[in-house]
Amino acid sequence: MAEYISSNETSPLKGRLYNNSSETDLDLSKIAEHLMEKGIFEEVEVRDSFPEEYEDEIEQIATALAETQVRNLEKPERDFQTESRDIDFEKKLLLGEESGLTSVLYDGFRLSKAFSDLLPEDERSDSYLHIIFTDRFFATWKPATKRYHARVSAYGFPSVISTAGVVDAPARPWGSYKIEKEGDGLKVVDESEEFEGSYVAHGDERLTEIMKGYALQAVFYHLHLGPFCNNKKCALYNPHLQVNIVKSKLSEPDLCTKHRKVLEELRTKVSDNR
């Protein structure tokens, strides 16, 4: 894993946003602008996906990513060998030869560790905030329930946010879909017209606005301020239901009174160190 260098000075951050998502409605330049408006960044740079910068190391990267896959939801340990087909699959994903929206599940924090080794060595201090937006669907292990739970985000260095997870991890409104018998199997019937707007879907034009909230969570986590809030109308609220994603990430103003005050105090400290 990459070495992480810590600093105590409250200095302006340098943001790095990476686009590993195939969602066409995701505009990282707007998320970068949103972060810059908070007054605590020196710069926020939008970068291409990692593969374009590390083409010569594709085999090594694919192997590391394959080793973050989850096969058993009830075991945090990896009790299986990574096979060549898993590595080949990851290669195809990295090279854009396979759709990023797959049924493969990853361990969110292991995925973050795998990505951390790809960060530029001169950007591995806490002066830098790295956020990776990915198609990969991941989960994290919860000791209390002794099983993996699907997530939208895994905060660390770097933080990883899943555009697949925001669609499929939080529960949809009751009745927004139903399961019907089809032949010898079952199929999910989407009733999106009746519940339109109450949940996030692939190709959702609100995706960029929603992801601004998750990016702010990454910022607060990075600054050791706690990424979550109990206020359902605050962008830092951690929703487990789709309806609360819509409510918390699309509210105006984006932060609650408490966290606007926290941000203002932080902005003052950062300004003093410019």
C-alpha atoms as a PDB file:
ATOM      1  CA  MET A   1       0.000   0.000   0.000  1.00  0.00           C
ATOM      2  CA  ALA A   2       1.157   3.533  -0.707  1.00  0.00           C
ATOM      3  CA  GLU A   3       2.778   5.448   2.143  1.00  0.00           C
ATOM      4  CA  TYR A   4       0.591   8.276   3.440  1.00  0.00           C
ATOM      5  CA  ILE A   5       2.221  11.429   4.822  1.00  0.00           C
ATOM      6  CA  SER A   6       0.318  13.478   7.391  1.00  0.00           C
ATOM      7  CA  SER A   7       0.594  17.167   8.102  1.00  0.00           C
ATOM      8  CA  ASN A   8      -0.875  19.237  10.959  1.00  0.00           C
ATOM      9  CA  GLU A   9      -1.141  22.549   9.155  1.00  0.00           C
ATOM     10  CA  THR A  10      -4.592  23.672   7.990  1.00  0.00           C
ATOM     11  CA  SER A  11      -3.663  24.602   4.453  1.00  0.00           C
ATOM     12  CA  PRO A  12      -5.757  24.853   1.292  1.00  0.00           C
ATOM     13  CA  LEU A  13      -6.434  21.428  -0.173  1.00  0.00           C
ATOM     14  CA  LYS A  14      -5.566  20.253  -3.651  1.00  0.00           C
ATOM     15  CA  GLY A  15      -8.340  18.079  -5.038  1.00  0.00           C
ATOM     16  CA  ARG A  16      -7.971  15.304  -7.588  1.00  0.00           C
ATOM     17  CA  LEU A  17     -11.124  13.797  -9.111  1.00  0.00           C
ATOM     18  CA  TYR A  18     -10.829  10.660 -11.246  1.00  0.00           C
ATOM     19  CA  ASN A  19     -13.501   9.470 -13.654  1.00  0.00           C
ATOM     20  CA  ASN A  20     -13.710   5.672 -13.816  1.00  0.00           C
ATOM     21  CA  SER A  21     -17.452   5.718 -14.470  1.00  0.00           C
ATOM     22  CA  SER A  22     -19.300   5.173 -17.741  1.00  0.00           C
ATOM     23  CA  GLU A  23     -22.267   7.296 -16.610  1.00  0.00           C
ATOM     24  CA  THR A  24     -22.672  10.049 -19.197  1.00  0.00           C
ATOM     25  CA  ASP A  25     -24.652  12.218 -16.765  1.00  0.00           C
ATOM     26  CA  LEU A  26     -21.678  12.491 -14.397  1.00  0.00           C
ATOM     27  CA  ASP A  27     -19.868  15.813 -14.895  1.00  0.00           C
ATOM     28  CA  LEU A  28     -16.810  15.981 -12.654  1.00  0.00           C
ATOM     29  CA  SER A  29     -16.021  19.535 -13.759  1.00  0.00           C
ATOM     30  CA  LYS A  30     -19.198  20.706 -12.027  1.00  0.00           C
ATOM     31  CA  ILE A  31     -18.278  18.771  -8.891  1.00  0.00           C
ATOM     32  CA  ALA A  32     -14.835  20.406  -9.007  1.00  0.00           C
ATOM     33  CA  GLU A  33     -16.466  23.847  -9.243  1.00  0.00           C
ATOM     34  CA  HIS A  34     -18.730  23.000  -6.312  1.00  0.00           C
ATOM     35  CA  LEU A  35     -15.766  22.051  -4.136  1.00  0.00           C
ATOM     36  CA  MET A  36     -13.831  25.176  -5.118  1.00  0.00           C
ATOM     37  CA  GLU A  37     -16.802  27.309  -4.055  1.00  0.00           C
ATOM     38  CA  LYS A  38     -16.388  26.030  -0.486  1.00  0.00           C
ATOM     39  CA  GLY A  39     -13.273  28.181  -0.117  1.00  0.00           C
ATOM     40  CA  ILE A  40     -10.950  25.522   1.310  1.00  0.00           C
ATOM     41  CA  PHE A  41      -9.279  24.364  -1.910  1.00  0.00           C
ATOM     42  CA  GLU A  42      -6.305  25.804  -3.728  1.00  0.00           C
ATOM     43  CA  GLU A  43      -7.293  23.811  -6.799  1.00  0.00           C
ATOM     44  CA  VAL A  44      -9.470  20.887  -7.866  1.00  0.00           C
ATOM     45  CA  GLU A  45      -8.265  19.008 -10.917  1.00  0.00           C
ATOM     46  CA  VAL A  46     -10.323  16.541 -12.949  1.00  0.00           C
ATOM     47  CA  ARG A  47      -8.259  13.655 -14.257  1.00  0.00           C
ATOM     48  CA  ASP A  48      -8.772  10.768 -16.621  1.00  0.00           C
ATOM     49  CA  SER A  49      -9.129   7.244 -15.321  1.00  0.00           C
ATOM     50  CA  PHE A  50      -6.039   5.498 -13.990  1.00  0.00           C
ATOM     51  CA  PRO A  51      -5.496   3.115 -16.931  1.00  0.00           C
ATOM     52  CA  GLU A  52      -4.624   5.970 -19.255  1.00  0.00           C
ATOM     53  CA  GLU A  53      -1.788   6.945 -16.931  1.00  0.00           C
ATOM     54  CA  TYR A  54      -0.559   3.436 -16.123  1.00  0.00           C
ATOM     55  CA  GLU A  55      -0.857   1.505 -19.383  1.00  0.00           C
ATOM     56  CA  ASP A  56       2.522  -0.193 -18.879  1.00  0.00           C
ATOM     57  CA  GLU A  57       1.378  -1.658 -15.542  1.00  0.00           C
ATOM     58  CA  ILE A  58      -2.003  -2.997 -16.657  1.00  0.00           C
ATOM     59  CA  GLU A  59      -1.242  -6.604 -15.641  1.00  0.00           C
ATOM     60  CA  GLN A  60      -0.216  -5.586 -12.127  1.00  0.00           C
ATOM     61  CA  ILE A  61      -3.207  -3.280 -11.711  1.00  0.00           C
ATOM     62  CA  ALA A  62      -5.665  -5.883 -13.002  1.00  0.00           C
ATOM     63  CA  THR A  63      -4.269  -8.452 -10.571  1.00  0.00           C
ATOM     64  CA  ALA A  64      -4.575  -6.064  -7.624  1.00  0.00           C
ATOM     65  CA  LEU A  65      -8.174  -5.228  -8.532  1.00  0.00           C
ATOM     66  CA  ALA A  66      -9.116  -8.885  -9.036  1.00  0.00           C
ATOM     67  CA  GLU A  67      -7.892  -9.574  -5.508  1.00  0.00           C
ATOM     68  CA  THR A  68     -10.471  -7.138  -4.102  1.00  0.00           C
ATOM     69  CA  GLN A  69     -13.423  -9.136  -5.437  1.00  0.00           C
ATOM     70  CA  VAL A  70     -15.924 -10.584  -2.947  1.00  0.00           C
ATOM     71  CA  ARG A  71     -17.321 -14.092  -3.445  1.00  0.00           C
ATOM     72  CA  ASN A  72     -18.929 -14.787  -0.071  1.00  0.00           C
ATOM     73  CA  LEU A  73     -21.120 -12.155   1.610  1.00  0.00           C
ATOM     74  CA  GLU A  74     -20.740 -13.863   4.983  1.00  0.00           C
ATOM     75  CA  LYS A  75     -16.939 -14.075   5.112  1.00  0.00           C
ATOM     76  CA  PRO A  76     -14.538 -11.117   5.250  1.00  0.00           C
ATOM     77  CA  GLU A  77     -11.566 -13.377   4.516  1.00  0.00           C
ATOM     78  CA  ARG A  78     -10.594 -14.227   0.961  1.00  0.00           C
ATOM     79  CA  ASP A  79     -10.876 -18.009   0.850  1.00  0.00           C
ATOM     80  CA  PHE A  80     -10.415 -18.345  -2.900  1.00  0.00           C
ATOM     81  CA  GLN A  81      -7.565 -18.053  -5.374  1.00  0.00           C
ATOM     82  CA  THR A  82      -7.507 -15.278  -7.937  1.00  0.00           C
ATOM     83  CA  GLU A  83      -7.718 -16.946 -11.327  1.00  0.00           C
ATOM     84  CA  SER A  84      -6.390 -15.810 -14.685  1.00  0.00           C
ATOM     85  CA  ARG A  85      -9.949 -15.270 -15.943  1.00  0.00           C
ATOM     86  CA  ASP A  86     -10.536 -12.773 -13.100  1.00  0.00           C
ATOM     87  CA  ILE A  87      -7.406 -10.868 -14.082  1.00  0.00           C
ATOM     88  CA  ASP A  88      -8.355 -10.950 -17.765  1.00  0.00           C
ATOM     89  CA  PHE A  89     -11.796  -9.599 -16.854  1.00  0.00           C
ATOM     90  CA  GLU A  90     -10.239  -6.690 -14.944  1.00  0.00           C
ATOM     91  CA  LYS A  91      -7.928  -5.980 -17.875  1.00  0.00           C
ATOM     92  CA  LYS A  92     -10.920  -5.691 -20.182  1.00  0.00           C
ATOM     93  CA  LEU A  93     -12.603  -3.324 -17.730  1.00  0.00           C
ATOM     94  CA  LEU A  94      -9.500  -1.165 -17.503  1.00  0.00           C
ATOM     95  CA  LEU A  95      -9.089  -1.045 -21.272  1.00  0.00           C
ATOM     96  CA  GLY A  96     -12.762  -0.289 -21.871  1.00  0.00           C
ATOM     97  CA  GLU A  97     -13.368  -3.608 -23.600  1.00  0.00           C
ATOM     98  CA  GLU A  98     -15.980  -4.625 -21.017  1.00  0.00           C
ATOM     99  CA  SER A  99     -18.883  -2.641 -19.568  1.00  0.00           C
ATOM    100  CA  GLY A 100     -18.150  -1.277 -16.110  1.00  0.00           C
ATOM    101  CA  LEU A 101     -21.663  -2.200 -15.003  1.00  0.00           C
ATOM    102  CA  THR A 102     -21.170  -5.846 -14.057  1.00  0.00           C
ATOM    103  CA  SER A 103     -22.398  -8.302 -11.450  1.00  0.00           C
ATOM    104  CA  VAL A 104     -18.965  -8.466  -9.800  1.00  0.00           C
ATOM    105  CA  LEU A 105     -18.858  -7.292  -6.177  1.00  0.00           C
ATOM    106  CA  TYR A 106     -15.769  -5.731  -4.600  1.00  0.00           C
ATOM    107  CA  ASP A 107     -14.614  -4.994  -1.063  1.00  0.00           C
ATOM    108  CA  GLY A 108     -14.752  -1.189  -0.889  1.00  0.00           C
ATOM    109  CA  PHE A 109     -11.799  -0.648   1.423  1.00  0.00           C
ATOM    110  CA  ARG A 110      -9.599  -3.174  -0.370  1.00  0.00           C
ATOM    111  CA  LEU A 111     -10.501  -1.412  -3.585  1.00  0.00           C
ATOM    112  CA  SER A 112      -9.365   1.887  -2.065  1.00  0.00           C
ATOM    113  CA  LYS A 113      -6.053   0.292  -1.038  1.00  0.00           C
ATOM    114  CA  ALA A 114      -5.535  -1.065  -4.547  1.00  0.00           C
ATOM    115  CA  PHE A 115      -6.151   2.384  -6.013  1.00  0.00           C
ATOM    116  CA  SER A 116      -3.853   4.034  -3.451  1.00  0.00           C
ATOM    117  CA  ASP A 117      -0.806   2.413  -5.028  1.00  0.00           C
ATOM    118  CA  LEU A 118      -1.618   4.250  -8.260  1.00  0.00           C
ATOM    119  CA  LEU A 119      -1.543   7.726  -6.743  1.00  0.00           C
ATOM    120  CA  PRO A 120       1.424   9.893  -7.793  1.00  0.00           C
ATOM    121  CA  GLU A 121       4.132   9.643  -5.139  1.00  0.00           C
ATOM    122  CA  ASP A 122       4.350  13.416  -4.781  1.00  0.00           C
ATOM    123  CA  GLU A 123       0.593  13.607  -4.049  1.00  0.00           C
ATOM    124  CA  ARG A 124       0.419  11.211  -1.126  1.00  0.00           C
ATOM    125  CA  SER A 125       0.191  13.773   1.665  1.00  0.00           C
ATOM    126  CA  ASP A 126      -2.983  14.991   3.344  1.00  0.00           C
ATOM    127  CA  SER A 127      -2.649  18.239   1.404  1.00  0.00           C
ATOM    128  CA  TYR A 128      -4.255  16.241  -1.402  1.00  0.00           C
ATOM    129  CA  LEU A 129      -7.796  14.913  -1.563  1.00  0.00           C
ATOM    130  CA  HIS A 130      -8.245  12.067  -4.054  1.00  0.00           C
ATOM    131  CA  ILE A 131     -11.750  10.918  -5.033  1.00  0.00           C
ATOM    132  CA  ILE A 132     -12.356   8.126  -7.533  1.00  0.00           C
ATOM    133  CA  PHE A 133     -15.776   7.802  -9.153  1.00  0.00           C
ATOM    134  CA  THR A 134     -16.230   4.255 -10.403  1.00  0.00           C
ATOM    135  CA  ASP A 135     -18.734   1.893 -12.004  1.00  0.00           C
ATOM    136  CA  ARG A 136     -17.525  -0.878  -9.715  1.00  0.00           C
ATOM    137  CA  PHE A 137     -20.185  -2.053  -7.269  1.00  0.00           C
ATOM    138  CA  PHE A 138     -18.747  -2.611  -3.806  1.00  0.00           C
ATOM    139  CA  ALA A 139     -19.641  -3.521  -0.256  1.00  0.00           C
ATOM    140  CA  THR A 140     -17.994  -3.244   3.151  1.00  0.00           C
ATOM    141  CA  TRP A 141     -17.872  -5.793   5.942  1.00  0.00           C
ATOM    142  CA  LYS A 142     -20.020  -4.995   8.991  1.00  0.00           C
ATOM    143  CA  PRO A 143     -18.891  -6.933  12.103  1.00  0.00           C
ATOM    144  CA  ALA A 144     -22.213  -6.336  13.893  1.00  0.00           C
ATOM    145  CA  THR A 145     -24.165  -8.266  11.266  1.00  0.00           C
ATOM    146  CA  LYS A 146     -21.264 -10.492  10.171  1.00  0.00           C
ATOM    147  CA  ARG A 147     -21.873  -9.886   6.498  1.00  0.00           C
ATOM    148  CA  TYR A 148     -21.078  -7.539   3.653  1.00  0.00           C
ATOM    149  CA  HIS A 149     -23.398  -4.615   2.927  1.00  0.00           C
ATOM    150  CA  ALA A 150     -23.568  -2.782  -0.403  1.00  0.00           C
ATOM    151  CA  ARG A 151     -22.316   0.808  -0.228  1.00  0.00           C
ATOM    152  CA  VAL A 152     -22.208   3.961  -2.292  1.00  0.00           C
ATOM    153  CA  SER A 153     -18.914   5.153  -0.835  1.00  0.00           C
ATOM    154  CA  ALA A 154     -15.795   3.971   0.947  1.00  0.00           C
ATOM    155  CA  TYR A 155     -13.879   6.873   2.453  1.00  0.00           C
ATOM    156  CA  GLY A 156     -10.127   6.689   2.804  1.00  0.00           C
ATOM    157  CA  PHE A 157      -7.019   7.695   0.878  1.00  0.00           C
ATOM    158  CA  PRO A 158      -8.280   7.733  -1.795  1.00  0.00           C
ATOM    159  CA  SER A 159     -12.037   7.853  -1.290  1.00  0.00           C
ATOM    160  CA  VAL A 160     -14.039   5.717  -3.714  1.00  0.00           C
ATOM    161  CA  ILE A 161     -17.611   6.543  -4.775  1.00  0.00           C
ATOM    162  CA  SER A 162     -19.687   4.107  -6.815  1.00  0.00           C
ATOM    163  CA  THR A 163     -22.090   5.373  -9.467  1.00  0.00           C
ATOM    164  CA  ALA A 164     -23.484   1.834  -9.587  1.00  0.00           C
ATOM    165  CA  GLY A 165     -23.846   1.794  -5.812  1.00  0.00           C
ATOM    166  CA  VAL A 166     -25.925   4.967  -5.685  1.00  0.00           C
ATOM    167  CA  VAL A 167     -28.454   3.206  -7.915  1.00  0.00           C
ATOM    168  CA  ASP A 168     -28.448  -0.273  -6.401  1.00  0.00           C
ATOM    169  CA  ALA A 169     -27.202  -0.073  -2.787  1.00  0.00           C
ATOM    170  CA  PRO A 170     -29.900   2.031  -1.008  1.00  0.00           C
ATOM    171  CA  ALA A 171     -33.384   0.503  -0.869  1.00  0.00           C
ATOM    172  CA  ARG A 172     -35.964   1.828  -3.323  1.00  0.00           C
ATOM    173  CA  PRO A 173     -39.441   2.948  -2.240  1.00  0.00           C
ATOM    174  CA  TRP A 174     -41.774   0.058  -1.414  1.00  0.00           C
ATOM    175  CA  GLY A 175     -43.706  -0.813  -4.538  1.00  0.00           C
ATOM    176  CA  SER A 176     -41.341   0.896  -6.975  1.00  0.00           C
ATOM    177  CA  TYR A 177     -40.648  -2.507  -8.468  1.00  0.00           C
ATOM    178  CA  LYS A 178     -42.108  -5.966  -8.242  1.00  0.00           C
ATOM    179  CA  ILE A 179     -41.042  -9.497  -9.060  1.00  0.00           C
ATOM    180  CA  GLU A 180     -43.069 -11.597 -11.450  1.00  0.00           C
ATOM    181  CA  LYS A 181     -42.784 -15.207 -12.549  1.00  0.00           C
ATOM    182  CA  GLU A 182     -41.447 -15.663 -16.061  1.00  0.00           C
ATOM    183  CA  GLY A 183     -41.237 -19.236 -17.323  1.00  0.00           C
ATOM    184  CA  ASP A 184     -39.237 -21.248 -14.815  1.00  0.00           C
ATOM    185  CA  GLY A 185     -37.657 -18.160 -13.300  1.00  0.00           C
ATOM    186  CA  LEU A 186     -38.405 -14.693 -11.964  1.00  0.00           C
ATOM    187  CA  LYS A 187     -37.987 -11.216 -13.367  1.00  0.00           C
ATOM    188  CA  VAL A 188     -38.005  -7.743 -11.835  1.00  0.00           C
ATOM    189  CA  VAL A 189     -40.676  -5.460 -13.251  1.00  0.00           C
ATOM    190  CA  ASP A 190     -39.780  -1.788 -12.884  1.00  0.00           C
ATOM    191  CA  GLU A 191     -42.672   0.590 -12.162  1.00  0.00           C
ATOM    192  CA  SER A 192     -40.550   3.683 -12.651  1.00  0.00           C
ATOM    193  CA  GLU A 193     -43.360   5.818 -14.072  1.00  0.00           C
ATOM    194  CA  GLU A 194     -45.390   5.673 -10.874  1.00  0.00           C
ATOM    195  CA  PHE A 195     -42.373   6.357  -8.650  1.00  0.00           C
ATOM    196  CA  GLU A 196     -40.416   8.546 -11.044  1.00  0.00           C
ATOM    197  CA  GLY A 197     -38.080  10.930  -9.245  1.00  0.00           C
ATOM    198  CA  SER A 198     -38.177   9.106  -5.906  1.00  0.00           C
ATOM    199  CA  TYR A 199     -35.047   7.081  -6.577  1.00  0.00           C
ATOM    200  CA  VAL A 200     -31.814   7.258  -8.575  1.00  0.00           C
ATOM    201  CA  ALA A 201     -31.575   5.324 -11.838  1.00  0.00           C
ATOM    202  CA  HIS A 202     -28.845   4.719 -14.397  1.00  0.00           C
ATOM    203  CA  GLY A 203     -28.795   7.651 -16.803  1.00  0.00           C
ATOM    204  CA  ASP A 204     -30.276   9.935 -14.142  1.00  0.00           C
ATOM    205  CA  GLU A 205     -29.712  13.586 -15.056  1.00  0.00           C
ATOM    206  CA  ARG A 206     -29.496  14.431 -11.335  1.00  0.00           C
ATOM    207  CA  LEU A 207     -26.409  12.259 -10.837  1.00  0.00           C
ATOM    208  CA  THR A 208     -23.882  15.103 -10.801  1.00  0.00           C
ATOM    209  CA  GLU A 209     -25.851  17.052  -8.180  1.00  0.00           C
ATOM    210  CA  ILE A 210     -26.202  13.929  -6.045  1.00  0.00           C
ATOM    211  CA  MET A 211     -22.501  13.133  -6.299  1.00  0.00           C
ATOM    212  CA  LYS A 212     -21.625  16.623  -5.063  1.00  0.00           C
ATOM    213  CA  GLY A 213     -22.974  15.530  -1.679  1.00  0.00           C
ATOM    214  CA  TYR A 214     -20.859  12.389  -1.594  1.00  0.00           C
ATOM    215  CA  ALA A 215     -17.810  14.427  -2.603  1.00  0.00           C
ATOM    216  CA  LEU A 216     -18.449  16.707   0.383  1.00  0.00           C
ATOM    217  CA  GLN A 217     -18.612  13.652   2.642  1.00  0.00           C
ATOM    218  CA  ALA A 218     -15.176  12.692   1.333  1.00  0.00           C
ATOM    219  CA  VAL A 219     -13.914  16.192   2.158  1.00  0.00           C
ATOM    220  CA  PHE A 220     -15.201  16.101   5.735  1.00  0.00           C
ATOM    221  CA  TYR A 221     -13.786  12.604   6.223  1.00  0.00           C
ATOM    222  CA  HIS A 222     -10.398  13.702   4.883  1.00  0.00           C
ATOM    223  CA  LEU A 223     -10.320  16.632   7.302  1.00  0.00           C
ATOM    224  CA  HIS A 224     -11.182  14.382  10.275  1.00  0.00           C
ATOM    225  CA  LEU A 225     -14.470  16.223  10.803  1.00  0.00           C
ATOM    226  CA  GLY A 226     -16.697  13.164  10.440  1.00  0.00           C
ATOM    227  CA  PRO A 227     -18.331  12.525   7.055  1.00  0.00           C
ATOM    228  CA  PHE A 228     -21.897  12.040   8.265  1.00  0.00           C
ATOM    229  CA  CYS A 229     -24.776  14.085   9.694  1.00  0.00           C
ATOM    230  CA  ASN A 230     -28.106  13.068  11.264  1.00  0.00           C
ATOM    231  CA  ASN A 231     -30.012  15.825   9.462  1.00  0.00           C
ATOM    232  CA  LYS A 232     -31.828  14.278   6.476  1.00  0.00           C
ATOM    233  CA  LYS A 233     -31.643  17.564   4.584  1.00  0.00           C
ATOM    234  CA  CYS A 234     -27.860  17.844   4.910  1.00  0.00           C
ATOM    235  CA  ALA A 235     -25.580  16.613   2.118  1.00  0.00           C
ATOM    236  CA  LEU A 236     -23.583  14.773   4.791  1.00  0.00           C
ATOM    237  CA  TYR A 237     -26.533  12.584   5.746  1.00  0.00           C
ATOM    238  CA  ASN A 238     -25.780   8.901   5.125  1.00  0.00           C
ATOM    239  CA  PRO A 239     -28.955   7.554   3.476  1.00  0.00           C
ATOM    240  CA  HIS A 240     -29.898   3.883   3.368  1.00  0.00           C
ATOM    241  CA  LEU A 241     -33.098   4.583   1.429  1.00  0.00           C
ATOM    242  CA  GLN A 242     -33.322   5.994  -2.078  1.00  0.00           C
ATOM    243  CA  VAL A 243     -35.901   8.576  -1.044  1.00  0.00           C
ATOM    244  CA  ASN A 244     -33.406  10.000   1.465  1.00  0.00           C
ATOM    245  CA  ILE A 245     -30.680  10.220  -1.179  1.00  0.00           C
ATOM    246  CA  VAL A 246     -32.952  12.479  -3.191  1.00  0.00           C
ATOM    247  CA  LYS A 247     -33.861  14.516  -0.107  1.00  0.00           C
ATOM    248  CA  SER A 248     -30.378  14.925   1.377  1.00  0.00           C
ATOM    249  CA  LYS A 249     -28.291  15.377  -1.764  1.00  0.00           C
ATOM    250  CA  LEU A 250     -30.651  17.730  -3.587  1.00  0.00           C
ATOM    251  CA  SER A 251     -31.610  20.045  -0.709  1.00  0.00           C
ATOM    252  CA  GLU A 252     -30.821  23.757  -0.730  1.00  0.00           C
ATOM    253  CA  PRO A 253     -28.665  24.865   0.934  1.00  0.00           C
ATOM    254  CA  ASP A 254     -26.593  21.710   0.642  1.00  0.00           C
ATOM    255  CA  LEU A 255     -25.326  21.732   4.239  1.00  0.00           C
ATOM    256  CA  CYS A 256     -27.275  22.058   7.475  1.00  0.00           C
ATOM    257  CA  THR A 257     -26.729  25.017   9.826  1.00  0.00           C
ATOM    258  CA  LYS A 258     -24.278  23.055  11.986  1.00  0.00           C
ATOM    259  CA  HIS A 259     -22.049  22.002   9.107  1.00  0.00           C
ATOM    260  CA  ARG A 260     -22.219  25.373   7.375  1.00  0.00           C
ATOM    261  CA  LYS A 261     -20.756  26.786  10.587  1.00  0.00           C
ATOM    262  CA  VAL A 262     -18.063  24.088  10.658  1.00  0.00           C
ATOM    263  CA  LEU A 263     -17.182  24.887   7.052  1.00  0.00           C
ATOM    264  CA  GLU A 264     -17.072  28.625   7.742  1.00  0.00           C
ATOM    265  CA  GLU A 265     -14.661  28.093  10.653  1.00  0.00           C
ATOM    266  CA  LEU A 266     -12.516  25.875   8.468  1.00  0.00           C
ATOM    267  CA  ARG A 267     -12.572  28.414   5.655  1.00  0.00           C
ATOM    268  CA  THR A 268     -11.277  31.062   8.084  1.00  0.00           C
ATOM    269  CA  LYS A 269      -8.407  28.821   9.236  1.00  0.00           C
ATOM    270  CA  VAL A 270      -7.479  27.976   5.668  1.00  0.00           C
ATOM    271  CA  SER A 271      -7.583  31.648   4.693  1.00  0.00           C
ATOM    272  CA  ASP A 272      -5.157  32.474   7.507  1.00  0.00           C
ATOM    273  CA  ASN A 273      -2.673  29.939   6.066  1.00  0.00           C
ATOM    274  CA  ARG A 274      -2.838  31.072   2.442  1.00  0.00           C
END
